[in-house]
Protein backbone atom coordinates (compact mmCIF):
# COMPACT_ATOMS: atom_id res chain seq x y z
CA UNK A 1 0.23 0.11 -0.29
CA UNK A 2 1.11 3.37 -0.71
CA UNK A 3 -0.08 7.04 0.80
CA UNK A 4 0.78 10.01 -1.18
CA UNK A 5 0.41 13.59 0.45
CA UNK A 6 0.34 16.51 -1.54
CA UNK A 7 0.80 19.99 0.35
CA UNK A 8 0.09 23.06 -1.92
CA UNK A 9 0.43 26.57 -0.74
CA UNK A 10 -1.80 29.26 -2.60
CA UNK A 11 -2.04 32.80 -2.86
CA UNK A 12 -5.59 34.28 -3.59
CA UNK A 13 -5.73 36.89 -5.89
CA UNK A 14 -8.29 40.16 -4.92
CA UNK A 15 -9.80 38.75 -1.48
CA UNK A 16 -10.36 40.93 0.87
CA UNK A 17 -11.84 38.96 3.75
CA UNK A 18 -12.06 35.60 5.37
CA UNK A 19 -15.66 34.90 3.83
CA UNK A 20 -14.23 35.79 0.34
CA UNK A 21 -11.42 33.25 0.82
CA UNK A 22 -13.64 30.31 1.74
CA UNK A 23 -15.84 31.02 -0.97
CA UNK A 24 -12.64 30.20 -3.07
CA UNK A 25 -11.12 27.67 -1.39
CA UNK A 26 -14.07 25.31 -0.34
CA UNK A 27 -15.18 24.89 -4.02
CA UNK A 28 -11.52 24.09 -5.12
CA UNK A 29 -11.32 21.49 -2.15
CA UNK A 30 -14.49 20.22 -3.44
CA UNK A 31 -13.25 19.64 -6.91
CA UNK A 32 -10.45 17.87 -6.03
CA UNK A 33 -12.48 15.65 -3.84
CA UNK A 34 -15.17 14.82 -6.68
CA UNK A 35 -12.96 15.04 -9.60
CA UNK A 36 -9.95 12.47 -8.36
CA UNK A 37 -11.59 10.81 -5.46
CA UNK A 38 -8.98 12.12 -2.80
CA UNK A 39 -8.89 13.26 0.73
CA UNK A 40 -8.60 17.26 0.51
CA UNK A 41 -8.91 19.92 3.10
CA UNK A 42 -7.79 23.46 3.90
CA UNK A 43 -4.85 22.68 6.14
CA UNK A 44 -3.07 25.62 7.26
CA UNK A 45 -3.15 29.72 7.28
CA UNK A 46 -6.45 29.82 8.24
CA UNK A 47 -6.59 33.50 9.60
CA UNK A 48 -5.00 34.58 6.55
CA UNK A 49 -6.94 35.90 4.35
CA UNK A 50 -4.93 35.73 0.97
CA UNK A 51 -3.29 32.40 1.61
CA UNK A 52 -4.12 29.24 1.86
CA UNK A 53 -2.65 25.85 2.50
CA UNK A 54 -4.26 22.97 0.73
CA UNK A 55 -3.64 19.28 2.04
CA UNK A 56 -4.75 16.10 -0.43
CA UNK A 57 -4.08 12.68 0.20
CA UNK A 58 -4.62 9.61 -1.97
CA UNK A 59 -4.14 5.87 -0.96
CA UNK A 60 -3.26 2.95 -3.66
CA UNK A 61 -1.81 -0.29 -4.29
CA UNK A 62 0.36 1.47 -6.88
CA UNK A 63 2.97 4.19 -6.27
CA UNK A 64 2.79 5.42 -10.24
CA UNK A 65 -1.20 5.90 -9.75
CA UNK A 66 -0.39 7.83 -6.32
CA UNK A 67 1.90 10.10 -8.34
CA UNK A 68 -0.13 10.47 -11.28
CA UNK A 69 -3.19 11.33 -9.08
CA UNK A 70 -1.15 13.88 -7.12
CA UNK A 71 0.28 15.58 -10.32
CA UNK A 72 -3.25 15.65 -11.57
CA UNK A 73 -4.06 17.54 -8.50
CA UNK A 74 -1.50 20.16 -8.70
CA UNK A 75 -2.16 20.67 -12.22
CA UNK A 76 -5.58 21.39 -11.56
CA UNK A 77 -4.78 23.72 -8.77
CA UNK A 78 -2.12 25.70 -10.81
CA UNK A 79 -4.96 26.11 -13.76
CA UNK A 80 -7.41 28.04 -11.71
CA UNK A 81 -6.94 31.92 -12.96
CA UNK A 82 -7.73 33.15 -9.53
CA UNK A 83 -5.19 31.93 -7.37
CA UNK A 84 -1.40 31.53 -7.82
CA UNK A 85 0.65 28.20 -6.65
CA UNK A 86 3.19 29.18 -4.86
CA UNK A 87 4.77 25.85 -3.89
CA UNK A 88 3.80 22.31 -4.06
CA UNK A 89 5.31 19.59 -1.88
CA UNK A 90 4.40 15.56 -2.39
CA UNK A 91 5.83 12.71 0.15
CA UNK A 92 5.04 9.44 -0.59
CA UNK A 93 5.31 6.62 2.00
CA UNK A 94 5.23 3.01 1.09
CA UNK A 95 5.46 -0.43 2.36
CA UNK A 96 9.20 0.06 2.92
CA UNK A 97 8.69 3.15 5.54
């Protein structure tokens, strides 16, 4: 079994409140969950209204599938014009860990 985690640090565009931040982040997290069948959540920076840390995880029996899903999630977030992907960090745990 392989477990992959993706940490996405994003800068939100023209956002002036936490309410506007939630209005951008919640649909993005829901899209990741629906399209890729992953666990996803806003995982950090709750008080910063222009920054968000989004965490994504996936479990599979195939390491290549885990990497493919996480790469697809990263590309999906990067493609959103209302935000800027500042950094993305992937981690993988496998049977040898």
